[in-house]
Each structure stands twice: as C-alpha cells, then as structure tokens.
Amino acid sequence: MKPAACAIALSFLCAALSDAGVPCLHQLADGDVIVVTVGEALTKDPTHGNPPVAEIEVTEVLRGDKQVERTKALFAPMPNDIDWDGGDSEKLREEWSKKPMEAPKKGDRLILGGAMGKDGVFVVSPICVYAAGDKQREEVLALIDKQLKARAEFEAMAKKEKEGEEARRQAWRKDVLEGADLDRLVAGSSFIGLGKISSQMLGKPMFITWSIDGILKGKKTHEYTGDAYFATALVSRDQMIETTREERYFVFLNEIPNARGNPERAKRVEGGAGGPDYTLADEKTGILPWSEDLEKQVRERIGKK
C-alpha cells in the first residue's frame, strides 16, 4: 500500500484496530516507522486469531526512538466487521479467527508502521506494510515531514484561536460584572442559585441547564434523586458562547408561571416537549461568574431583605 493511502486508511480503521488490541496510528507521524529485514517465522500456520510473528532485523528507523530494541514483529490482521452480538456473530467471529494469514517471507525487506506492544513485540499496523525501496523510503519520509508540519500549523492555529476565545471571554466577564446591579438582581429574582452548566441547547430559543449546588434564595420547584437540582433558563447567544462547563456561576432567575406540567410549555420550544423553567432576572447580567467576594456581597443583600 502507498504511504499516503496508508495514512488515510488509518484514520478510518483506528477505532476498529484499537478495539482489536492493535496499537493504532492516526497517521504515520504518530508512531514508529522502521525499515526491516524479515528473519525466521515464529508462528506456525498463522491465522487471524493467531497472527504471524517473525524475527526482524531493523536496518533503519525512519520515525521513533532509535534506542528501542525491536527484534520481533507481530503482523496484525485487518479487523473483522462483525460489530454486533447475538445471532450468528459468535460463529462468524470463530470462522474469521480460523482464516489463514499470509506471513512475510524470510529475507523480505519491508517498511513497517506500528508501535511497541506487549512483551517487547513490535505490532505492525495491517495497512502500513510495504516493500522497502528507495522510492518508497523517500515517499514515507516526505509524508512524515508533511504531517509534522501540518500538525505544527494546526497547533499554532489552535493556540491563537484559544487565546482569542479567552480574551473575548474575559471581556464578557468584565462587562457583566461591571454592569451588574446586585441590589436590583437580588430584589428581582425569585430564585438565586450557584452551580455549573449541565447541558446547553442551541436553537430557538436557546437555554442552559444548570446543576445547582447551592441555593441562596428561593426553593426547588420539583425534586430530583438525592440532593441534585437542575434549573433550565432561557439565555442569550453571548451567554451561551462565553460560559464554560468548568466555571461556577451565579444564576438570578424567575420561574416561568406554571412551567412544570403546563401543556402549553412544549409549544415554546421548537421540536420537543422539553424547555426552560426559568427566565433570567436580567437579560444581560442574570448570569455572573462566581467568586468568594461576590458571593459575600450577594448574601449580604439577601440578608437585608
């Protein structure tokens, strides 16, 4: 198989290979690539269930640690496509495992892509085995170089994008914290909770479900198992984008009248019977990033009511 085809095929087969216990490469640059001369066969009558193992002499390491000792290689089979249980699956797997496999011949010179497996055996990806030659060697080296450059470009782009997202998020945090009127928020909320995002729903309307771990004002409108409580509120696009699942937030909410058990509730949400139980007490500042100091200020205002 040509090196470029190997890289493409690996991306599709990686999950199946991993399920079969074969170290899998998304691309050649992810694993070891070696040039070998095949020695004595160590497996008699190899099959899919008992794949061929052979001694190898590594003549060149194109990718990977040159100090690693690689003296044996297991030539893994292509994974089977029996991805269901029951019916005739067990019979088909047994038939597949008994199918003979062609082993490399002693003296073959090969370029192999793979990774070290158990017991110090180099496990060869079944779609990265090709005859060694000057042309193939140059193609492999060029492809590895191309993949490494593409990876570096992607990582640089991802870093720049992440920095941009963080700057935008910090600007949103600064804007809502500076614009928040805590007296008005506390007075205008029937429910004030602390928690993290549990799930988000894009569409019309957009809403976020919060896993509430602290209730500062108000009561639960319904019970969940144990101490869990979830509050689902309508939100804006900015609030959907700038909030994260890792952070903890204050949510200042007002319950939608008769939201629970109201047959009209489903009509407010396109395509489903679910939907929000709450609206934000303030469309812009009804969600605020948590801090110990801000919690103290909110509790002080609640205590004055």
C-alpha atoms as a PDB file:
ATOM      1  CA  MET A   1       0.000   0.000   0.000  1.00  0.00           C
ATOM      2  CA  LYS A   2       1.249   3.503  -0.805  1.00  0.00           C
ATOM      3  CA  PRO A   3       2.195   5.687   2.195  1.00  0.00           C
ATOM      4  CA  ALA A   4      -0.459   8.339   1.511  1.00  0.00           C
ATOM      5  CA  ALA A   5      -3.177   5.693   1.227  1.00  0.00           C
ATOM      6  CA  CYS A   6      -1.924   4.176   4.472  1.00  0.00           C
ATOM      7  CA  ALA A   7      -2.372   7.466   6.323  1.00  0.00           C
ATOM      8  CA  ILE A   8      -5.914   7.947   5.008  1.00  0.00           C
ATOM      9  CA  ALA A   9      -6.957   4.382   5.737  1.00  0.00           C
ATOM     10  CA  LEU A  10      -5.573   4.548   9.273  1.00  0.00           C
ATOM     11  CA  SER A  11      -7.925   7.374  10.222  1.00  0.00           C
ATOM     12  CA  PHE A  12     -10.938   5.215   9.324  1.00  0.00           C
ATOM     13  CA  LEU A  13      -9.675   1.979  10.857  1.00  0.00           C
ATOM     14  CA  CYS A  14      -8.163   3.328  14.059  1.00  0.00           C
ATOM     15  CA  ALA A  15     -11.203   2.672  16.256  1.00  0.00           C
ATOM     16  CA  ALA A  16     -11.602  -0.887  14.990  1.00  0.00           C
ATOM     17  CA  LEU A  17      -7.898  -1.617  15.401  1.00  0.00           C
ATOM     18  CA  SER A  18      -7.909  -0.270  18.955  1.00  0.00           C
ATOM     19  CA  ASP A  19     -10.907  -2.452  19.815  1.00  0.00           C
ATOM     20  CA  ALA A  20      -8.940  -5.416  18.471  1.00  0.00           C
ATOM     21  CA  GLY A  21      -5.980  -4.597  20.729  1.00  0.00           C
ATOM     22  CA  VAL A  22      -3.740  -3.303  17.938  1.00  0.00           C
ATOM     23  CA  PRO A  23      -1.772  -0.112  18.679  1.00  0.00           C
ATOM     24  CA  CYS A  24      -3.170   2.257  16.078  1.00  0.00           C
ATOM     25  CA  LEU A  25      -1.753   5.333  14.392  1.00  0.00           C
ATOM     26  CA  HIS A  26      -3.961   8.130  13.143  1.00  0.00           C
ATOM     27  CA  GLN A  27      -1.062   8.941  10.829  1.00  0.00           C
ATOM     28  CA  LEU A  28       2.498   7.776  10.287  1.00  0.00           C
ATOM     29  CA  ALA A  29       3.899  10.662  12.334  1.00  0.00           C
ATOM     30  CA  ASP A  30       2.077   9.324  15.421  1.00  0.00           C
ATOM     31  CA  GLY A  31       4.057   6.086  15.703  1.00  0.00           C
ATOM     32  CA  ASP A  32       7.231   4.269  14.730  1.00  0.00           C
ATOM     33  CA  VAL A  33       8.239   3.691  11.129  1.00  0.00           C
ATOM     34  CA  ILE A  34      11.075   1.235  10.574  1.00  0.00           C
ATOM     35  CA  VAL A  35      12.892  -0.473   7.717  1.00  0.00           C
ATOM     36  CA  VAL A  36      13.474  -4.166   8.404  1.00  0.00           C
ATOM     37  CA  THR A  37      14.707  -7.430   7.002  1.00  0.00           C
ATOM     38  CA  VAL A  38      12.418 -10.299   7.990  1.00  0.00           C
ATOM     39  CA  GLY A  39      14.020 -13.273   9.741  1.00  0.00           C
ATOM     40  CA  GLU A  40      12.684 -16.620  10.933  1.00  0.00           C
ATOM     41  CA  ALA A  41       8.931 -17.125  11.242  1.00  0.00           C
ATOM     42  CA  LEU A  42       7.879 -17.783  14.849  1.00  0.00           C
ATOM     43  CA  THR A  43       4.235 -18.710  14.211  1.00  0.00           C
ATOM     44  CA  LYS A  44       3.249 -21.979  12.581  1.00  0.00           C
ATOM     45  CA  ASP A  45       0.179 -21.856  10.334  1.00  0.00           C
ATOM     46  CA  PRO A  46      -0.802 -18.267  11.211  1.00  0.00           C
ATOM     47  CA  THR A  47      -4.460 -17.250  11.254  1.00  0.00           C
ATOM     48  CA  HIS A  48      -6.435 -14.107  12.058  1.00  0.00           C
ATOM     49  CA  GLY A  49      -6.795 -15.413  15.599  1.00  0.00           C
ATOM     50  CA  ASN A  50      -3.110 -16.336  15.809  1.00  0.00           C
ATOM     51  CA  PRO A  51      -1.372 -13.789  13.568  1.00  0.00           C
ATOM     52  CA  PRO A  52       2.167 -14.250  12.274  1.00  0.00           C
ATOM     53  CA  VAL A  53       5.120 -13.248  14.415  1.00  0.00           C
ATOM     54  CA  ALA A  54       8.583 -13.117  12.897  1.00  0.00           C
ATOM     55  CA  GLU A  55      12.075 -12.127  13.870  1.00  0.00           C
ATOM     56  CA  ILE A  56      13.159  -8.825  12.340  1.00  0.00           C
ATOM     57  CA  GLU A  57      16.427  -7.006  11.873  1.00  0.00           C
ATOM     58  CA  VAL A  58      15.920  -3.241  11.924  1.00  0.00           C
ATOM     59  CA  THR A  59      18.185  -1.626   9.352  1.00  0.00           C
ATOM     60  CA  GLU A  60      16.859   1.928   9.724  1.00  0.00           C
ATOM     61  CA  VAL A  61      14.478   3.866  11.971  1.00  0.00           C
ATOM     62  CA  LEU A  62      12.615   6.475   9.952  1.00  0.00           C
ATOM     63  CA  ARG A  63      10.427   7.564  12.848  1.00  0.00           C
ATOM     64  CA  GLY A  64      10.696   6.724  16.559  1.00  0.00           C
ATOM     65  CA  ASP A  65      13.282   6.051  19.248  1.00  0.00           C
ATOM     66  CA  LYS A  66      16.393   4.511  17.729  1.00  0.00           C
ATOM     67  CA  GLN A  67      17.468   3.122  21.112  1.00  0.00           C
ATOM     68  CA  VAL A  68      14.405   0.857  21.436  1.00  0.00           C
ATOM     69  CA  GLU A  69      15.212  -2.779  20.727  1.00  0.00           C
ATOM     70  CA  ARG A  70      12.867  -4.228  18.127  1.00  0.00           C
ATOM     71  CA  THR A  71      13.670  -7.861  17.377  1.00  0.00           C
ATOM     72  CA  LYS A  72      10.213  -9.360  16.798  1.00  0.00           C
ATOM     73  CA  ALA A  73       7.175  -8.130  14.897  1.00  0.00           C
ATOM     74  CA  LEU A  74       3.548  -9.215  15.029  1.00  0.00           C
ATOM     75  CA  PHE A  75       1.755  -8.631  11.736  1.00  0.00           C
ATOM     76  CA  ALA A  76      -1.774  -7.791  12.878  1.00  0.00           C
ATOM     77  CA  PRO A  77      -4.750  -8.776  10.710  1.00  0.00           C
ATOM     78  CA  MET A  78      -7.318  -6.370   9.370  1.00  0.00           C
ATOM     79  CA  PRO A  79     -10.115  -6.157  11.964  1.00  0.00           C
ATOM     80  CA  ASN A  80     -13.294  -8.050  11.236  1.00  0.00           C
ATOM     81  CA  ASP A  81     -16.564  -6.242  10.553  1.00  0.00           C
ATOM     82  CA  ILE A  82     -18.667  -8.300  12.962  1.00  0.00           C
ATOM     83  CA  ASP A  83     -19.724  -5.393  15.152  1.00  0.00           C
ATOM     84  CA  TRP A  84     -22.832  -6.923  16.722  1.00  0.00           C
ATOM     85  CA  ASP A  85     -23.623  -9.528  19.371  1.00  0.00           C
ATOM     86  CA  GLY A  86     -26.161 -12.303  19.260  1.00  0.00           C
ATOM     87  CA  GLY A  87     -27.473 -14.190  16.271  1.00  0.00           C
ATOM     88  CA  ASP A  88     -24.645 -15.740  14.274  1.00  0.00           C
ATOM     89  CA  SER A  89     -21.992 -13.262  15.477  1.00  0.00           C
ATOM     90  CA  GLU A  90     -20.104 -15.802  17.607  1.00  0.00           C
ATOM     91  CA  LYS A  91     -19.985 -18.300  14.744  1.00  0.00           C
ATOM     92  CA  LEU A  92     -18.781 -15.646  12.289  1.00  0.00           C
ATOM     93  CA  ARG A  93     -16.047 -14.456  14.667  1.00  0.00           C
ATOM     94  CA  GLU A  94     -14.843 -18.020  15.113  1.00  0.00           C
ATOM     95  CA  GLU A  95     -14.765 -18.543  11.346  1.00  0.00           C
ATOM     96  CA  TRP A  96     -12.862 -15.280  10.907  1.00  0.00           C
ATOM     97  CA  SER A  97     -10.318 -16.207  13.587  1.00  0.00           C
ATOM     98  CA  LYS A  98      -9.564 -19.506  11.794  1.00  0.00           C
ATOM     99  CA  LYS A  99      -8.924 -17.940   8.399  1.00  0.00           C
ATOM    100  CA  PRO A 100      -5.273 -18.349   7.385  1.00  0.00           C
ATOM    101  CA  MET A 101      -2.994 -15.321   7.152  1.00  0.00           C
ATOM    102  CA  GLU A 102      -0.104 -14.906   4.782  1.00  0.00           C
ATOM    103  CA  ALA A 103       3.118 -14.349   6.680  1.00  0.00           C
ATOM    104  CA  PRO A 104       6.054 -12.300   5.386  1.00  0.00           C
ATOM    105  CA  LYS A 105       8.846 -14.391   3.934  1.00  0.00           C
ATOM    106  CA  LYS A 106      12.306 -14.699   5.366  1.00  0.00           C
ATOM    107  CA  GLY A 107      14.568 -12.196   3.640  1.00  0.00           C
ATOM    108  CA  ASP A 108      11.767  -9.742   2.749  1.00  0.00           C
ATOM    109  CA  ARG A 109      12.793  -6.099   3.104  1.00  0.00           C
ATOM    110  CA  LEU A 110       9.850  -4.068   4.364  1.00  0.00           C
ATOM    111  CA  ILE A 111       8.899  -0.635   5.656  1.00  0.00           C
ATOM    112  CA  LEU A 112       6.595  -1.075   8.645  1.00  0.00           C
ATOM    113  CA  GLY A 113       4.427   1.386  10.556  1.00  0.00           C
ATOM    114  CA  GLY A 114       3.301   0.446  14.041  1.00  0.00           C
ATOM    115  CA  ALA A 115       4.060   0.644  17.750  1.00  0.00           C
ATOM    116  CA  MET A 116       5.567  -1.424  20.524  1.00  0.00           C
ATOM    117  CA  GLY A 117       3.059  -3.795  22.086  1.00  0.00           C
ATOM    118  CA  LYS A 118       3.220  -6.235  24.966  1.00  0.00           C
ATOM    119  CA  ASP A 119       6.276  -8.377  25.681  1.00  0.00           C
ATOM    120  CA  GLY A 120       8.537  -6.134  23.596  1.00  0.00           C
ATOM    121  CA  VAL A 121       6.948  -7.157  20.285  1.00  0.00           C
ATOM    122  CA  PHE A 122       6.544  -4.525  17.568  1.00  0.00           C
ATOM    123  CA  VAL A 123       2.891  -4.618  16.447  1.00  0.00           C
ATOM    124  CA  VAL A 124       2.570  -3.730  12.779  1.00  0.00           C
ATOM    125  CA  SER A 125      -0.480  -1.867  11.526  1.00  0.00           C
ATOM    126  CA  PRO A 126      -2.073  -4.097   8.855  1.00  0.00           C
ATOM    127  CA  ILE A 127      -2.347  -1.251   6.362  1.00  0.00           C
ATOM    128  CA  CYS A 128       1.190   0.088   6.714  1.00  0.00           C
ATOM    129  CA  VAL A 129       3.267  -2.729   5.314  1.00  0.00           C
ATOM    130  CA  TYR A 130       5.030  -2.198   2.003  1.00  0.00           C
ATOM    131  CA  ALA A 131       8.132  -3.337   0.215  1.00  0.00           C
ATOM    132  CA  ALA A 132      11.265  -1.377   1.046  1.00  0.00           C
ATOM    133  CA  GLY A 133      12.888   0.570  -1.732  1.00  0.00           C
ATOM    134  CA  ASP A 134      14.476   3.950  -2.323  1.00  0.00           C
ATOM    135  CA  LYS A 135      11.302   5.413  -3.829  1.00  0.00           C
ATOM    136  CA  GLN A 136       9.042   4.150  -1.029  1.00  0.00           C
ATOM    137  CA  ARG A 137      11.519   5.330   1.583  1.00  0.00           C
ATOM    138  CA  GLU A 138      11.529   8.857   0.151  1.00  0.00           C
ATOM    139  CA  GLU A 139       7.715   8.875  -0.065  1.00  0.00           C
ATOM    140  CA  VAL A 140       7.423   7.832   3.584  1.00  0.00           C
ATOM    141  CA  LEU A 141       9.910  10.463   4.778  1.00  0.00           C
ATOM    142  CA  ALA A 142       8.160  13.164   2.745  1.00  0.00           C
ATOM    143  CA  LEU A 143       4.772  12.170   4.161  1.00  0.00           C
ATOM    144  CA  ILE A 144       6.034  12.162   7.762  1.00  0.00           C
ATOM    145  CA  ASP A 145       7.566  15.624   7.225  1.00  0.00           C
ATOM    146  CA  LYS A 146       4.312  16.886   5.704  1.00  0.00           C
ATOM    147  CA  GLN A 147       2.286  15.531   8.624  1.00  0.00           C
ATOM    148  CA  LEU A 148       4.608  17.084  11.224  1.00  0.00           C
ATOM    149  CA  LYS A 149       4.410  20.476   9.504  1.00  0.00           C
ATOM    150  CA  ALA A 150       0.625  20.239   9.260  1.00  0.00           C
ATOM    151  CA  ARG A 151       0.449  19.338  12.958  1.00  0.00           C
ATOM    152  CA  ALA A 152       2.630  22.321  13.919  1.00  0.00           C
ATOM    153  CA  GLU A 153       0.453  24.658  11.840  1.00  0.00           C
ATOM    154  CA  PHE A 154      -2.707  23.249  13.395  1.00  0.00           C
ATOM    155  CA  GLU A 155      -1.344  23.583  16.936  1.00  0.00           C
ATOM    156  CA  ALA A 156      -0.287  27.192  16.270  1.00  0.00           C
ATOM    157  CA  MET A 157      -3.715  27.990  14.840  1.00  0.00           C
ATOM    158  CA  ALA A 158      -5.469  26.282  17.773  1.00  0.00           C
ATOM    159  CA  LYS A 159      -3.323  28.220  20.260  1.00  0.00           C
ATOM    160  CA  LYS A 160      -4.138  31.522  18.563  1.00  0.00           C
ATOM    161  CA  GLU A 161      -7.834  30.658  18.478  1.00  0.00           C
ATOM    162  CA  LYS A 162      -7.811  29.670  22.156  1.00  0.00           C
ATOM    163  CA  GLU A 163      -6.080  32.922  23.100  1.00  0.00           C
ATOM    164  CA  GLY A 164      -8.710  34.854  21.133  1.00  0.00           C
ATOM    165  CA  GLU A 165     -11.536  32.967  22.839  1.00  0.00           C
ATOM    166  CA  GLU A 166     -10.051  33.614  26.266  1.00  0.00           C
ATOM    167  CA  ALA A 167      -9.634  37.339  25.551  1.00  0.00           C
ATOM    168  CA  ARG A 168     -13.241  37.557  24.360  1.00  0.00           C
ATOM    169  CA  ARG A 169     -14.479  35.615  27.399  1.00  0.00           C
ATOM    170  CA  GLN A 170     -12.559  37.866  29.789  1.00  0.00           C
ATOM    171  CA  ALA A 171     -14.092  40.914  28.086  1.00  0.00           C
ATOM    172  CA  TRP A 172     -17.578  39.420  28.597  1.00  0.00           C
ATOM    173  CA  ARG A 173     -16.840  38.671  32.260  1.00  0.00           C
ATOM    174  CA  LYS A 174     -15.604  42.222  32.837  1.00  0.00           C
ATOM    175  CA  ASP A 175     -18.639  43.682  31.073  1.00  0.00           C
ATOM    176  CA  VAL A 176     -21.275  41.725  33.042  1.00  0.00           C
ATOM    177  CA  LEU A 177     -19.553  42.150  36.406  1.00  0.00           C
ATOM    178  CA  GLU A 178     -19.168  45.902  35.958  1.00  0.00           C
ATOM    179  CA  GLY A 179     -22.738  46.238  34.688  1.00  0.00           C
ATOM    180  CA  ALA A 180     -24.408  44.147  37.393  1.00  0.00           C
ATOM    181  CA  ASP A 181     -26.714  45.961  39.823  1.00  0.00           C
ATOM    182  CA  LEU A 182     -26.689  43.475  42.697  1.00  0.00           C
ATOM    183  CA  ASP A 183     -29.431  45.235  44.649  1.00  0.00           C
ATOM    184  CA  ARG A 184     -31.769  45.058  41.657  1.00  0.00           C
ATOM    185  CA  LEU A 185     -30.781  41.475  40.792  1.00  0.00           C
ATOM    186  CA  VAL A 186     -31.385  40.188  44.315  1.00  0.00           C
ATOM    187  CA  ALA A 187     -34.685  42.036  44.671  1.00  0.00           C
ATOM    188  CA  GLY A 188     -35.889  40.993  41.218  1.00  0.00           C
ATOM    189  CA  SER A 189     -35.103  37.256  41.470  1.00  0.00           C
ATOM    190  CA  SER A 190     -37.388  34.584  42.877  1.00  0.00           C
ATOM    191  CA  PHE A 191     -34.526  32.077  42.751  1.00  0.00           C
ATOM    192  CA  ILE A 192     -30.765  32.608  43.122  1.00  0.00           C
ATOM    193  CA  GLY A 193     -28.555  29.580  42.693  1.00  0.00           C
ATOM    194  CA  LEU A 194     -24.907  28.608  42.394  1.00  0.00           C
ATOM    195  CA  GLY A 195     -23.778  25.901  40.018  1.00  0.00           C
ATOM    196  CA  LYS A 196     -22.155  24.702  36.828  1.00  0.00           C
ATOM    197  CA  ILE A 197     -23.510  24.048  33.359  1.00  0.00           C
ATOM    198  CA  SER A 198     -25.025  20.588  32.945  1.00  0.00           C
ATOM    199  CA  SER A 199     -26.183  20.916  29.334  1.00  0.00           C
ATOM    200  CA  GLN A 200     -26.814  23.501  26.624  1.00  0.00           C
ATOM    201  CA  MET A 201     -29.493  23.693  23.950  1.00  0.00           C
ATOM    202  CA  LEU A 202     -28.860  25.664  20.786  1.00  0.00           C
ATOM    203  CA  GLY A 203     -31.751  26.743  18.612  1.00  0.00           C
ATOM    204  CA  LYS A 204     -34.798  28.899  19.099  1.00  0.00           C
ATOM    205  CA  PRO A 205     -34.955  29.560  21.942  1.00  0.00           C
ATOM    206  CA  MET A 206     -31.531  28.854  23.465  1.00  0.00           C
ATOM    207  CA  PHE A 207     -31.309  27.641  27.029  1.00  0.00           C
ATOM    208  CA  ILE A 208     -28.830  26.281  29.562  1.00  0.00           C
ATOM    209  CA  THR A 209     -29.488  23.690  32.247  1.00  0.00           C
ATOM    210  CA  TRP A 210     -27.566  24.373  35.444  1.00  0.00           C
ATOM    211  CA  SER A 211     -26.591  21.756  38.005  1.00  0.00           C
ATOM    212  CA  ILE A 212     -27.328  23.732  41.168  1.00  0.00           C
ATOM    213  CA  ASP A 213     -25.058  23.022  44.137  1.00  0.00           C
ATOM    214  CA  GLY A 214     -26.177  25.940  46.289  1.00  0.00           C
ATOM    215  CA  ILE A 215     -29.484  27.789  46.697  1.00  0.00           C
ATOM    216  CA  LEU A 216     -29.130  31.312  48.107  1.00  0.00           C
ATOM    217  CA  LYS A 217     -32.730  32.402  47.596  1.00  0.00           C
ATOM    218  CA  GLY A 218     -35.965  30.618  46.738  1.00  0.00           C
ATOM    219  CA  LYS A 219     -36.954  26.964  46.762  1.00  0.00           C
ATOM    220  CA  LYS A 220     -36.824  23.968  44.470  1.00  0.00           C
ATOM    221  CA  THR A 221     -39.829  23.755  42.186  1.00  0.00           C
ATOM    222  CA  HIS A 222     -39.501  19.974  41.865  1.00  0.00           C
ATOM    223  CA  GLU A 223     -37.403  17.138  43.270  1.00  0.00           C
ATOM    224  CA  TYR A 224     -34.702  15.034  41.665  1.00  0.00           C
ATOM    225  CA  THR A 225     -32.934  11.961  43.028  1.00  0.00           C
ATOM    226  CA  GLY A 226     -30.802  12.698  46.079  1.00  0.00           C
ATOM    227  CA  ASP A 227     -29.575  16.266  46.501  1.00  0.00           C
ATOM    228  CA  ALA A 228     -29.472  17.034  42.779  1.00  0.00           C
ATOM    229  CA  TYR A 229     -31.342  20.044  41.433  1.00  0.00           C
ATOM    230  CA  PHE A 230     -31.374  21.329  37.876  1.00  0.00           C
ATOM    231  CA  ALA A 231     -32.594  24.711  36.691  1.00  0.00           C
ATOM    232  CA  THR A 232     -33.138  25.376  32.982  1.00  0.00           C
ATOM    233  CA  ALA A 233     -33.213  29.001  31.858  1.00  0.00           C
ATOM    234  CA  LEU A 234     -33.567  30.923  28.614  1.00  0.00           C
ATOM    235  CA  VAL A 235     -30.277  32.630  27.694  1.00  0.00           C
ATOM    236  CA  SER A 236     -28.773  34.901  25.060  1.00  0.00           C
ATOM    237  CA  ARG A 237     -26.280  33.929  22.375  1.00  0.00           C
ATOM    238  CA  ASP A 238     -23.401  35.641  24.235  1.00  0.00           C
ATOM    239  CA  GLN A 239     -24.225  33.802  27.450  1.00  0.00           C
ATOM    240  CA  MET A 240     -24.324  30.506  25.558  1.00  0.00           C
ATOM    241  CA  ILE A 241     -20.918  31.143  23.962  1.00  0.00           C
ATOM    242  CA  GLU A 242     -18.990  32.773  26.805  1.00  0.00           C
ATOM    243  CA  THR A 243     -19.937  30.474  29.689  1.00  0.00           C
ATOM    244  CA  THR A 244     -17.951  27.281  30.226  1.00  0.00           C
ATOM    245  CA  ARG A 245     -18.687  23.948  31.883  1.00  0.00           C
ATOM    246  CA  GLU A 246     -15.612  24.264  34.096  1.00  0.00           C
ATOM    247  CA  GLU A 247     -16.606  27.505  35.832  1.00  0.00           C
ATOM    248  CA  ARG A 248     -19.144  28.067  38.595  1.00  0.00           C
ATOM    249  CA  TYR A 249     -21.777  30.788  38.203  1.00  0.00           C
ATOM    250  CA  PHE A 250     -24.484  32.722  39.996  1.00  0.00           C
ATOM    251  CA  VAL A 251     -27.849  32.453  38.245  1.00  0.00           C
ATOM    252  CA  PHE A 252     -30.524  35.030  39.063  1.00  0.00           C
ATOM    253  CA  LEU A 253     -33.819  33.536  37.899  1.00  0.00           C
ATOM    254  CA  ASN A 254     -37.582  33.894  37.827  1.00  0.00           C
ATOM    255  CA  GLU A 255     -39.782  30.861  37.298  1.00  0.00           C
ATOM    256  CA  ILE A 256     -41.931  30.761  34.176  1.00  0.00           C
ATOM    257  CA  PRO A 257     -45.519  30.610  35.501  1.00  0.00           C
ATOM    258  CA  ASN A 258     -46.860  27.051  35.541  1.00  0.00           C
ATOM    259  CA  ALA A 259     -43.829  25.817  33.607  1.00  0.00           C
ATOM    260  CA  ARG A 260     -43.942  22.373  35.184  1.00  0.00           C
ATOM    261  CA  GLY A 261     -46.837  20.303  33.894  1.00  0.00           C
ATOM    262  CA  ASN A 262     -48.110  23.076  31.630  1.00  0.00           C
ATOM    263  CA  PRO A 263     -49.126  21.538  28.265  1.00  0.00           C
ATOM    264  CA  GLU A 264     -48.537  24.903  26.603  1.00  0.00           C
ATOM    265  CA  ARG A 265     -44.882  24.787  27.668  1.00  0.00           C
ATOM    266  CA  ALA A 266     -43.918  22.456  24.820  1.00  0.00           C
ATOM    267  CA  LYS A 267     -45.145  24.946  22.253  1.00  0.00           C
ATOM    268  CA  ARG A 268     -42.465  27.420  23.325  1.00  0.00           C
ATOM    269  CA  VAL A 269     -39.689  25.082  22.235  1.00  0.00           C
ATOM    270  CA  GLU A 270     -39.284  24.004  18.626  1.00  0.00           C
ATOM    271  CA  GLY A 271     -39.145  20.279  18.018  1.00  0.00           C
ATOM    272  CA  GLY A 272     -39.633  18.924  21.526  1.00  0.00           C
ATOM    273  CA  ALA A 273     -41.601  18.734  24.745  1.00  0.00           C
ATOM    274  CA  GLY A 274     -38.779  20.000  26.964  1.00  0.00           C
ATOM    275  CA  GLY A 275     -37.837  23.552  27.663  1.00  0.00           C
ATOM    276  CA  PRO A 276     -36.880  26.150  30.227  1.00  0.00           C
ATOM    277  CA  ASP A 277     -38.422  26.516  33.675  1.00  0.00           C
ATOM    278  CA  TYR A 278     -36.913  29.957  34.268  1.00  0.00           C
ATOM    279  CA  THR A 279     -36.082  33.275  32.679  1.00  0.00           C
ATOM    280  CA  LEU A 280     -33.118  35.398  33.757  1.00  0.00           C
ATOM    281  CA  ALA A 281     -33.891  38.236  36.166  1.00  0.00           C
ATOM    282  CA  ASP A 282     -31.793  40.428  33.870  1.00  0.00           C
ATOM    283  CA  GLU A 283     -31.152  39.523  30.240  1.00  0.00           C
ATOM    284  CA  LYS A 284     -27.533  40.746  30.335  1.00  0.00           C
ATOM    285  CA  THR A 285     -26.349  40.226  33.922  1.00  0.00           C
ATOM    286  CA  GLY A 286     -28.548  37.351  35.111  1.00  0.00           C
ATOM    287  CA  ILE A 287     -25.513  35.047  34.898  1.00  0.00           C
ATOM    288  CA  LEU A 288     -22.388  36.133  36.784  1.00  0.00           C
ATOM    289  CA  PRO A 289     -19.054  34.315  37.258  1.00  0.00           C
ATOM    290  CA  TRP A 290     -18.698  33.118  40.847  1.00  0.00           C
ATOM    291  CA  SER A 291     -16.128  34.491  43.253  1.00  0.00           C
ATOM    292  CA  GLU A 292     -15.910  34.316  47.028  1.00  0.00           C
ATOM    293  CA  ASP A 293     -16.137  38.094  47.323  1.00  0.00           C
ATOM    294  CA  LEU A 294     -19.177  38.312  45.042  1.00  0.00           C
ATOM    295  CA  GLU A 295     -20.927  35.546  46.980  1.00  0.00           C
ATOM    296  CA  LYS A 296     -20.373  37.525  50.187  1.00  0.00           C
ATOM    297  CA  GLN A 297     -21.926  40.624  48.586  1.00  0.00           C
ATOM    298  CA  VAL A 298     -24.944  38.687  47.309  1.00  0.00           C
ATOM    299  CA  ARG A 299     -25.543  37.014  50.682  1.00  0.00           C
ATOM    300  CA  GLU A 300     -25.344  40.388  52.452  1.00  0.00           C
ATOM    301  CA  ARG A 301     -28.046  41.787  50.172  1.00  0.00           C
ATOM    302  CA  ILE A 302     -30.258  38.728  50.611  1.00  0.00           C
ATOM    303  CA  GLY A 303     -29.912  39.077  54.390  1.00  0.00           C
ATOM    304  CA  LYS A 304     -31.208  42.643  54.255  1.00  0.00           C
ATOM    305  CA  LYS A 305     -34.457  41.626  52.531  1.00  0.00           C
END
